[in-house]
Amino acid sequence: MPKRSESAHFYKRREKKKQSREVKDWIIILLTLILVVYALSLASHLTLNKAQGSGTEEPTYLRVQILNGCKESGLAEKVRDQLISKRWEKFAFDVVDVGNFGDSIISQTLILDRKGQDKRVFEVANILGIKKENVLLKRLEDNYLDIDLSIILGADYSRIFKN
């Protein structure tokens, strides 16, 4: 008789181990499915961000000096505010200096290329509606403010910078 109870006990333990193993297997399967769904979601999110980002480029930041060349009080500050607040095609302007050009009155607005970056300066001139012949290369000897370009406001400023 003792043999029978031992074998019954053995089968019960074996059955419990089998059930325990089945539960563990199901838990592993469930966790694997969760991981797969998470990985697919992450891959989808990254692909979507890459696709959205490809159409929009970061703007090129240009350090700008604005000089008033037509003697209208406060004009350089107004233009600074306009340059900073308006969204431009592919440029963002960091106006680092505002002032007066001197005693003379300039008839047409000029852009001075302070670093020899012709391509970008001509693009800015085109965006602002300034003629190519009004873009000049005039490097600064001591460019401590790291100015990329200077805009000298002429008497035609209202055509370019509309209020």
N, C-alpha and C. Protein backbone atom coordinates (compact mmCIF):
# COMPACT_ATOMS: atom_id res chain seq x y z
N MET A 1 0.80 -1.20 0.00
CA MET A 1 0.00 0.00 0.00
C MET A 1 0.84 1.27 0.00
N PRO A 2 1.88 1.29 0.73
CA PRO A 2 2.65 2.51 0.75
C PRO A 2 3.12 2.90 -0.65
N LYS A 3 3.28 1.94 -1.51
CA LYS A 3 3.75 2.28 -2.86
C LYS A 3 2.72 3.09 -3.63
N ARG A 4 1.46 2.75 -3.43
CA ARG A 4 0.42 3.47 -4.15
C ARG A 4 0.37 4.94 -3.74
N SER A 5 0.41 5.23 -2.49
CA SER A 5 0.35 6.62 -2.04
C SER A 5 1.58 7.40 -2.51
N GLU A 6 2.71 6.71 -2.52
CA GLU A 6 3.91 7.38 -3.02
C GLU A 6 3.77 7.72 -4.49
N SER A 7 3.23 6.82 -5.28
CA SER A 7 3.09 7.08 -6.71
C SER A 7 2.01 8.15 -6.95
N ALA A 8 0.94 8.15 -6.15
CA ALA A 8 -0.09 9.18 -6.31
C ALA A 8 0.49 10.55 -5.95
N HIS A 9 1.27 10.59 -4.90
CA HIS A 9 1.91 11.83 -4.50
C HIS A 9 2.89 12.30 -5.58
N PHE A 10 3.61 11.39 -6.16
CA PHE A 10 4.56 11.69 -7.22
C PHE A 10 3.84 12.30 -8.42
N TYR A 11 2.70 11.73 -8.82
CA TYR A 11 1.95 12.23 -9.97
C TYR A 11 1.35 13.62 -9.70
N LYS A 12 0.93 13.83 -8.45
CA LYS A 12 0.38 15.14 -8.10
C LYS A 12 1.47 16.22 -8.18
N ARG A 13 2.66 15.90 -7.67
CA ARG A 13 3.78 16.85 -7.74
C ARG A 13 4.15 17.11 -9.19
N ARG A 14 4.17 16.08 -9.97
CA ARG A 14 4.52 16.20 -11.39
C ARG A 14 3.49 17.07 -12.11
N GLU A 15 2.22 16.89 -11.78
CA GLU A 15 1.16 17.67 -12.40
C GLU A 15 1.26 19.15 -11.98
N LYS A 16 1.59 19.41 -10.72
CA LYS A 16 1.76 20.78 -10.25
C LYS A 16 2.92 21.45 -10.97
N LYS A 17 4.02 20.72 -11.15
CA LYS A 17 5.17 21.27 -11.87
C LYS A 17 4.79 21.58 -13.31
N LYS A 18 4.00 20.70 -13.92
CA LYS A 18 3.58 20.90 -15.30
C LYS A 18 2.70 22.14 -15.40
N GLN A 19 1.77 22.32 -14.48
CA GLN A 19 0.90 23.50 -14.46
C GLN A 19 1.73 24.77 -14.23
N SER A 20 2.67 24.67 -13.33
CA SER A 20 3.53 25.81 -13.03
C SER A 20 4.34 26.19 -14.27
N ARG A 21 4.83 25.21 -15.00
CA ARG A 21 5.60 25.46 -16.21
C ARG A 21 4.71 26.08 -17.28
N GLU A 22 3.46 25.62 -17.40
CA GLU A 22 2.54 26.19 -18.38
C GLU A 22 2.25 27.66 -18.07
N VAL A 23 2.07 27.99 -16.82
CA VAL A 23 1.83 29.38 -16.42
C VAL A 23 3.05 30.23 -16.76
N LYS A 24 4.23 29.71 -16.48
CA LYS A 24 5.46 30.45 -16.81
C LYS A 24 5.57 30.64 -18.32
N ASP A 25 5.24 29.61 -19.08
CA ASP A 25 5.29 29.71 -20.54
C ASP A 25 4.35 30.81 -21.04
N TRP A 26 3.13 30.86 -20.49
CA TRP A 26 2.16 31.87 -20.89
C TRP A 26 2.64 33.28 -20.51
N ILE A 27 3.25 33.40 -19.37
CA ILE A 27 3.78 34.70 -18.93
C ILE A 27 4.89 35.15 -19.88
N ILE A 28 5.77 34.22 -20.27
CA ILE A 28 6.86 34.55 -21.20
C ILE A 28 6.29 34.96 -22.55
N ILE A 29 5.27 34.23 -23.02
CA ILE A 29 4.65 34.57 -24.31
C ILE A 29 4.01 35.96 -24.24
N LEU A 30 3.31 36.25 -23.16
CA LEU A 30 2.66 37.55 -22.99
C LEU A 30 3.69 38.68 -22.95
N LEU A 31 4.76 38.48 -22.18
CA LEU A 31 5.81 39.50 -22.11
C LEU A 31 6.49 39.71 -23.46
N THR A 32 6.69 38.64 -24.21
CA THR A 32 7.28 38.74 -25.54
C THR A 32 6.38 39.55 -26.46
N LEU A 33 5.09 39.30 -26.41
CA LEU A 33 4.14 40.06 -27.23
C LEU A 33 4.15 41.54 -26.86
N ILE A 34 4.21 41.83 -25.58
CA ILE A 34 4.27 43.23 -25.14
C ILE A 34 5.53 43.89 -25.67
N LEU A 35 6.65 43.19 -25.60
CA LEU A 35 7.91 43.74 -26.12
C LEU A 35 7.84 43.98 -27.63
N VAL A 36 7.25 43.06 -28.37
CA VAL A 36 7.14 43.21 -29.82
C VAL A 36 6.26 44.42 -30.16
N VAL A 37 5.14 44.56 -29.47
CA VAL A 37 4.26 45.71 -29.71
C VAL A 37 4.98 47.00 -29.37
N TYR A 38 5.71 47.03 -28.28
CA TYR A 38 6.46 48.23 -27.90
C TYR A 38 7.52 48.56 -28.96
N ALA A 39 8.23 47.55 -29.44
CA ALA A 39 9.28 47.78 -30.45
C ALA A 39 8.67 48.31 -31.75
N LEU A 40 7.53 47.75 -32.16
CA LEU A 40 6.88 48.23 -33.38
C LEU A 40 6.37 49.66 -33.21
N SER A 41 5.84 49.96 -32.05
CA SER A 41 5.36 51.30 -31.77
C SER A 41 6.52 52.30 -31.80
N LEU A 42 7.63 51.95 -31.21
CA LEU A 42 8.81 52.81 -31.20
C LEU A 42 9.33 53.04 -32.61
N ALA A 43 9.41 51.96 -33.39
CA ALA A 43 9.89 52.07 -34.78
C ALA A 43 8.95 52.96 -35.59
N SER A 44 7.66 52.80 -35.40
CA SER A 44 6.68 53.63 -36.11
C SER A 44 6.83 55.09 -35.72
N HIS A 45 7.00 55.35 -34.45
CA HIS A 45 7.15 56.72 -33.95
C HIS A 45 8.41 57.37 -34.53
N LEU A 46 9.52 56.64 -34.54
CA LEU A 46 10.76 57.19 -35.07
C LEU A 46 10.65 57.46 -36.57
N THR A 47 10.01 56.57 -37.30
CA THR A 47 9.83 56.75 -38.74
C THR A 47 8.95 57.96 -39.01
N LEU A 48 7.90 58.12 -38.24
CA LEU A 48 6.99 59.26 -38.41
C LEU A 48 7.71 60.57 -38.13
N ASN A 49 8.51 60.61 -37.08
CA ASN A 49 9.27 61.83 -36.75
C ASN A 49 10.27 62.17 -37.84
N LYS A 50 10.92 61.16 -38.39
CA LYS A 50 11.90 61.39 -39.45
C LYS A 50 11.20 61.93 -40.68
N ALA A 51 10.03 61.38 -41.01
CA ALA A 51 9.29 61.83 -42.19
C ALA A 51 8.80 63.26 -41.99
N GLN A 52 8.35 63.60 -40.81
CA GLN A 52 7.88 64.96 -40.55
C GLN A 52 9.04 65.94 -40.55
N GLY A 53 10.17 65.54 -40.03
CA GLY A 53 11.33 66.43 -39.93
C GLY A 53 11.99 66.70 -41.25
N SER A 54 11.82 65.84 -42.25
CA SER A 54 12.52 66.01 -43.51
C SER A 54 12.01 67.21 -44.29
N GLY A 55 10.75 67.62 -44.07
CA GLY A 55 10.20 68.74 -44.80
C GLY A 55 10.55 70.08 -44.18
N THR A 56 10.94 70.09 -42.94
CA THR A 56 11.25 71.35 -42.28
C THR A 56 12.70 71.36 -41.85
N GLU A 57 13.39 72.37 -42.31
CA GLU A 57 14.79 72.51 -41.94
C GLU A 57 14.92 73.53 -40.83
N GLU A 58 15.93 73.37 -40.03
CA GLU A 58 16.24 74.37 -39.02
C GLU A 58 16.69 75.63 -39.75
N PRO A 59 16.25 76.80 -39.30
CA PRO A 59 16.69 78.02 -39.98
C PRO A 59 18.17 78.29 -39.73
N THR A 60 18.76 78.99 -40.66
CA THR A 60 20.14 79.44 -40.51
C THR A 60 20.11 80.74 -39.72
N TYR A 61 20.81 80.78 -38.62
CA TYR A 61 20.84 81.97 -37.78
C TYR A 61 21.93 82.92 -38.28
N LEU A 62 21.54 84.15 -38.49
CA LEU A 62 22.49 85.17 -38.93
C LEU A 62 22.52 86.30 -37.91
N ARG A 63 23.73 86.69 -37.59
CA ARG A 63 23.92 87.81 -36.64
C ARG A 63 23.96 89.10 -37.47
N VAL A 64 23.05 90.02 -37.13
CA VAL A 64 22.80 91.18 -37.96
C VAL A 64 23.02 92.48 -37.19
N GLN A 65 23.54 93.45 -37.91
CA GLN A 65 23.66 94.82 -37.41
C GLN A 65 22.71 95.66 -38.27
N ILE A 66 21.90 96.50 -37.64
CA ILE A 66 20.99 97.37 -38.37
C ILE A 66 21.39 98.81 -38.11
N LEU A 67 21.65 99.53 -39.19
CA LEU A 67 22.06 100.92 -39.08
C LEU A 67 21.06 101.81 -39.81
N ASN A 68 20.65 102.88 -39.15
CA ASN A 68 19.69 103.82 -39.71
C ASN A 68 20.44 104.82 -40.56
N GLY A 69 20.18 104.80 -41.87
CA GLY A 69 20.86 105.71 -42.80
C GLY A 69 19.94 106.75 -43.38
N CYS A 70 18.78 106.97 -42.77
CA CYS A 70 17.86 107.96 -43.33
C CYS A 70 17.32 108.94 -42.30
N LYS A 71 17.91 108.96 -41.13
CA LYS A 71 17.63 109.96 -40.09
C LYS A 71 16.22 109.91 -39.50
N GLU A 72 15.45 108.84 -39.73
CA GLU A 72 14.13 108.75 -39.11
C GLU A 72 14.30 108.16 -37.71
N SER A 73 13.84 108.88 -36.74
CA SER A 73 14.03 108.50 -35.34
C SER A 73 13.40 107.14 -35.01
N GLY A 74 14.18 106.25 -34.39
CA GLY A 74 13.69 104.95 -33.93
C GLY A 74 13.48 103.91 -35.03
N LEU A 75 13.91 104.22 -36.24
CA LEU A 75 13.67 103.31 -37.37
C LEU A 75 14.42 101.99 -37.21
N ALA A 76 15.67 102.03 -36.81
CA ALA A 76 16.45 100.79 -36.68
C ALA A 76 15.83 99.85 -35.66
N GLU A 77 15.29 100.39 -34.58
CA GLU A 77 14.64 99.55 -33.56
C GLU A 77 13.36 98.91 -34.09
N LYS A 78 12.58 99.68 -34.88
CA LYS A 78 11.36 99.13 -35.48
C LYS A 78 11.69 97.98 -36.43
N VAL A 79 12.71 98.19 -37.25
CA VAL A 79 13.11 97.15 -38.21
C VAL A 79 13.66 95.94 -37.46
N ARG A 80 14.39 96.16 -36.39
CA ARG A 80 14.88 95.05 -35.56
C ARG A 80 13.71 94.20 -35.08
N ASP A 81 12.70 94.84 -34.53
CA ASP A 81 11.53 94.12 -34.03
C ASP A 81 10.85 93.33 -35.15
N GLN A 82 10.78 93.93 -36.33
CA GLN A 82 10.16 93.27 -37.47
C GLN A 82 10.97 92.05 -37.93
N LEU A 83 12.28 92.22 -37.98
CA LEU A 83 13.14 91.10 -38.39
C LEU A 83 13.04 89.93 -37.43
N ILE A 84 12.98 90.23 -36.15
CA ILE A 84 12.95 89.18 -35.14
C ILE A 84 11.59 88.49 -35.08
N SER A 85 10.51 89.25 -35.20
CA SER A 85 9.18 88.68 -35.00
C SER A 85 8.63 87.95 -36.23
N LYS A 86 9.02 88.36 -37.41
CA LYS A 86 8.47 87.76 -38.63
C LYS A 86 9.17 86.44 -38.93
N ARG A 87 8.41 85.49 -39.46
CA ARG A 87 8.99 84.20 -39.86
C ARG A 87 9.49 84.31 -41.29
N TRP A 88 10.78 84.13 -41.47
CA TRP A 88 11.40 84.23 -42.79
C TRP A 88 11.58 82.83 -43.35
N GLU A 89 11.79 82.74 -44.65
CA GLU A 89 11.85 81.45 -45.34
C GLU A 89 12.81 80.46 -44.69
N LYS A 90 14.06 80.79 -44.64
CA LYS A 90 15.02 79.84 -44.07
C LYS A 90 16.07 80.48 -43.18
N PHE A 91 15.79 81.71 -42.77
CA PHE A 91 16.73 82.41 -41.92
C PHE A 91 16.05 82.88 -40.64
N ALA A 92 16.83 82.94 -39.60
CA ALA A 92 16.41 83.57 -38.35
C ALA A 92 17.46 84.62 -38.04
N PHE A 93 16.99 85.79 -37.66
CA PHE A 93 17.90 86.90 -37.46
C PHE A 93 18.12 87.17 -35.98
N ASP A 94 19.37 87.27 -35.62
CA ASP A 94 19.78 87.63 -34.27
C ASP A 94 20.40 89.02 -34.40
N VAL A 95 19.63 90.04 -34.07
CA VAL A 95 20.10 91.41 -34.20
C VAL A 95 20.96 91.74 -32.99
N VAL A 96 22.25 91.93 -33.26
CA VAL A 96 23.21 92.13 -32.17
C VAL A 96 23.63 93.59 -31.98
N ASP A 97 23.28 94.44 -32.96
CA ASP A 97 23.66 95.84 -32.85
C ASP A 97 22.68 96.69 -33.65
N VAL A 98 22.28 97.81 -33.07
CA VAL A 98 21.36 98.76 -33.70
C VAL A 98 21.95 100.14 -33.48
N GLY A 99 21.94 100.95 -34.55
CA GLY A 99 22.48 102.30 -34.40
C GLY A 99 22.25 103.15 -35.62
N ASN A 100 22.97 104.25 -35.70
CA ASN A 100 22.89 105.16 -36.84
C ASN A 100 24.10 104.96 -37.74
N PHE A 101 23.89 105.18 -39.04
CA PHE A 101 24.95 104.99 -40.02
C PHE A 101 25.93 106.15 -40.04
N GLY A 102 25.49 107.28 -39.71
CA GLY A 102 26.34 108.46 -39.72
C GLY A 102 25.51 109.69 -40.04
N ASP A 103 26.16 110.70 -40.55
CA ASP A 103 25.47 111.96 -40.83
C ASP A 103 24.80 112.00 -42.20
N SER A 104 25.24 111.16 -43.11
CA SER A 104 24.69 111.22 -44.47
C SER A 104 23.39 110.42 -44.57
N ILE A 105 22.58 110.79 -45.55
CA ILE A 105 21.32 110.09 -45.81
C ILE A 105 21.53 109.18 -47.02
N ILE A 106 21.19 107.92 -46.85
CA ILE A 106 21.34 106.92 -47.91
C ILE A 106 20.01 106.80 -48.63
N SER A 107 20.04 106.80 -49.98
CA SER A 107 18.78 106.73 -50.74
C SER A 107 18.22 105.31 -50.83
N GLN A 108 19.09 104.30 -50.93
CA GLN A 108 18.64 102.92 -51.07
C GLN A 108 19.21 102.06 -49.95
N THR A 109 18.40 101.13 -49.49
CA THR A 109 18.83 100.21 -48.43
C THR A 109 19.93 99.32 -48.95
N LEU A 110 20.97 99.13 -48.15
CA LEU A 110 22.13 98.33 -48.52
C LEU A 110 22.29 97.16 -47.56
N ILE A 111 22.91 96.10 -48.05
CA ILE A 111 23.34 95.00 -47.19
C ILE A 111 24.84 94.88 -47.35
N LEU A 112 25.54 94.88 -46.23
CA LEU A 112 26.99 94.71 -46.25
C LEU A 112 27.32 93.31 -45.75
N ASP A 113 28.02 92.56 -46.58
CA ASP A 113 28.47 91.22 -46.23
C ASP A 113 29.72 91.39 -45.38
N ARG A 114 29.65 91.02 -44.10
CA ARG A 114 30.75 91.26 -43.18
C ARG A 114 31.73 90.10 -43.08
N LYS A 115 31.38 88.95 -43.68
CA LYS A 115 32.26 87.78 -43.57
C LYS A 115 32.61 87.15 -44.91
N GLY A 116 32.10 87.66 -46.00
CA GLY A 116 32.37 87.08 -47.31
C GLY A 116 31.53 85.84 -47.58
N GLN A 117 30.31 85.83 -47.12
CA GLN A 117 29.40 84.70 -47.30
C GLN A 117 28.39 85.04 -48.39
N ASP A 118 28.88 85.28 -49.60
CA ASP A 118 28.05 85.79 -50.69
C ASP A 118 26.70 85.10 -50.83
N LYS A 119 26.70 83.79 -50.86
CA LYS A 119 25.47 83.05 -51.16
C LYS A 119 24.37 83.40 -50.16
N ARG A 120 24.65 83.30 -48.87
CA ARG A 120 23.63 83.57 -47.86
C ARG A 120 23.18 85.03 -47.88
N VAL A 121 24.11 85.94 -48.06
CA VAL A 121 23.78 87.36 -48.05
C VAL A 121 22.90 87.70 -49.25
N PHE A 122 23.19 87.13 -50.41
CA PHE A 122 22.35 87.36 -51.58
C PHE A 122 20.96 86.74 -51.40
N GLU A 123 20.88 85.60 -50.71
CA GLU A 123 19.58 85.00 -50.42
C GLU A 123 18.77 85.92 -49.51
N VAL A 124 19.40 86.49 -48.50
CA VAL A 124 18.72 87.42 -47.60
C VAL A 124 18.24 88.65 -48.38
N ALA A 125 19.10 89.18 -49.24
CA ALA A 125 18.72 90.34 -50.05
C ALA A 125 17.51 90.01 -50.91
N ASN A 126 17.50 88.84 -51.50
CA ASN A 126 16.38 88.41 -52.33
C ASN A 126 15.09 88.31 -51.51
N ILE A 127 15.18 87.72 -50.32
CA ILE A 127 14.01 87.58 -49.45
C ILE A 127 13.47 88.96 -49.05
N LEU A 128 14.37 89.89 -48.74
CA LEU A 128 13.94 91.21 -48.29
C LEU A 128 13.55 92.12 -49.45
N GLY A 129 13.88 91.72 -50.68
CA GLY A 129 13.55 92.55 -51.84
C GLY A 129 14.56 93.65 -52.09
N ILE A 130 15.80 93.40 -51.72
CA ILE A 130 16.88 94.36 -51.94
C ILE A 130 17.64 93.94 -53.19
N LYS A 131 17.90 94.91 -54.07
CA LYS A 131 18.56 94.62 -55.35
C LYS A 131 19.97 94.06 -55.12
N LYS A 132 20.40 93.21 -56.06
CA LYS A 132 21.73 92.58 -55.96
C LYS A 132 22.85 93.62 -55.95
N GLU A 133 22.64 94.69 -56.72
CA GLU A 133 23.70 95.72 -56.77
C GLU A 133 23.82 96.49 -55.46
N ASN A 134 22.87 96.30 -54.56
CA ASN A 134 22.94 96.95 -53.25
C ASN A 134 23.50 96.02 -52.17
N VAL A 135 24.10 94.92 -52.59
CA VAL A 135 24.79 94.00 -51.68
C VAL A 135 26.28 94.20 -51.89
N LEU A 136 26.98 94.57 -50.84
CA LEU A 136 28.40 94.88 -50.94
C LEU A 136 29.20 94.05 -49.95
N LEU A 137 30.42 93.71 -50.33
CA LEU A 137 31.32 93.02 -49.41
C LEU A 137 32.14 94.07 -48.68
N LYS A 138 31.96 94.15 -47.39
CA LYS A 138 32.73 95.09 -46.57
C LYS A 138 33.01 94.39 -45.24
N ARG A 139 34.09 93.64 -45.22
CA ARG A 139 34.46 92.90 -44.01
C ARG A 139 34.80 93.86 -42.87
N LEU A 140 34.49 93.41 -41.67
CA LEU A 140 34.86 94.18 -40.48
C LEU A 140 36.23 93.72 -40.01
N GLU A 141 37.09 94.66 -39.73
CA GLU A 141 38.43 94.33 -39.25
C GLU A 141 38.36 93.62 -37.90
N ASP A 142 37.71 94.26 -36.95
CA ASP A 142 37.57 93.69 -35.61
C ASP A 142 36.10 93.33 -35.40
N ASN A 143 35.74 92.15 -35.83
CA ASN A 143 34.33 91.72 -35.79
C ASN A 143 34.06 91.01 -34.46
N TYR A 144 34.14 91.78 -33.36
CA TYR A 144 33.98 91.21 -32.03
C TYR A 144 32.58 90.66 -31.78
N LEU A 145 31.59 91.24 -32.43
CA LEU A 145 30.20 90.79 -32.26
C LEU A 145 29.86 89.64 -33.22
N ASP A 146 30.82 89.23 -34.03
CA ASP A 146 30.62 88.13 -34.98
C ASP A 146 29.43 88.41 -35.91
N ILE A 147 29.39 89.60 -36.46
CA ILE A 147 28.29 90.04 -37.33
C ILE A 147 28.44 89.39 -38.70
N ASP A 148 27.35 88.80 -39.18
CA ASP A 148 27.34 88.20 -40.51
C ASP A 148 27.06 89.25 -41.59
N LEU A 149 26.09 90.13 -41.29
CA LEU A 149 25.74 91.16 -42.26
C LEU A 149 25.20 92.39 -41.57
N SER A 150 25.35 93.51 -42.27
CA SER A 150 24.80 94.78 -41.78
C SER A 150 23.75 95.23 -42.77
N ILE A 151 22.63 95.69 -42.24
CA ILE A 151 21.59 96.28 -43.08
C ILE A 151 21.60 97.77 -42.80
N ILE A 152 21.87 98.55 -43.86
CA ILE A 152 21.86 100.00 -43.73
C ILE A 152 20.56 100.49 -44.35
N LEU A 153 19.69 101.02 -43.52
CA LEU A 153 18.36 101.43 -43.96
C LEU A 153 18.44 102.74 -44.73
N GLY A 154 17.95 102.72 -45.96
CA GLY A 154 17.92 103.91 -46.80
C GLY A 154 16.53 104.51 -46.84
N ALA A 155 16.39 105.54 -47.65
CA ALA A 155 15.11 106.24 -47.77
C ALA A 155 14.01 105.33 -48.33
N ASP A 156 14.38 104.25 -48.97
CA ASP A 156 13.39 103.31 -49.54
C ASP A 156 12.98 102.21 -48.56
N TYR A 157 13.32 102.36 -47.28
CA TYR A 157 13.06 101.30 -46.29
C TYR A 157 11.60 100.88 -46.23
N SER A 158 10.67 101.81 -46.45
CA SER A 158 9.24 101.48 -46.32
C SER A 158 8.79 100.49 -47.39
N ARG A 159 9.48 100.45 -48.52
CA ARG A 159 9.17 99.47 -49.57
C ARG A 159 9.58 98.07 -49.11
N ILE A 160 10.64 97.97 -48.34
CA ILE A 160 11.18 96.68 -47.90
C ILE A 160 10.55 96.24 -46.59
N PHE A 161 10.53 97.13 -45.63
CA PHE A 161 10.00 96.83 -44.30
C PHE A 161 8.67 97.56 -44.13
N LYS A 162 7.62 96.89 -44.54
CA LYS A 162 6.29 97.49 -44.45
C LYS A 162 5.80 97.46 -43.01
N ASN A 163 5.15 98.49 -42.58
CA ASN A 163 4.63 98.55 -41.21
C ASN A 163 3.39 97.74 -41.04
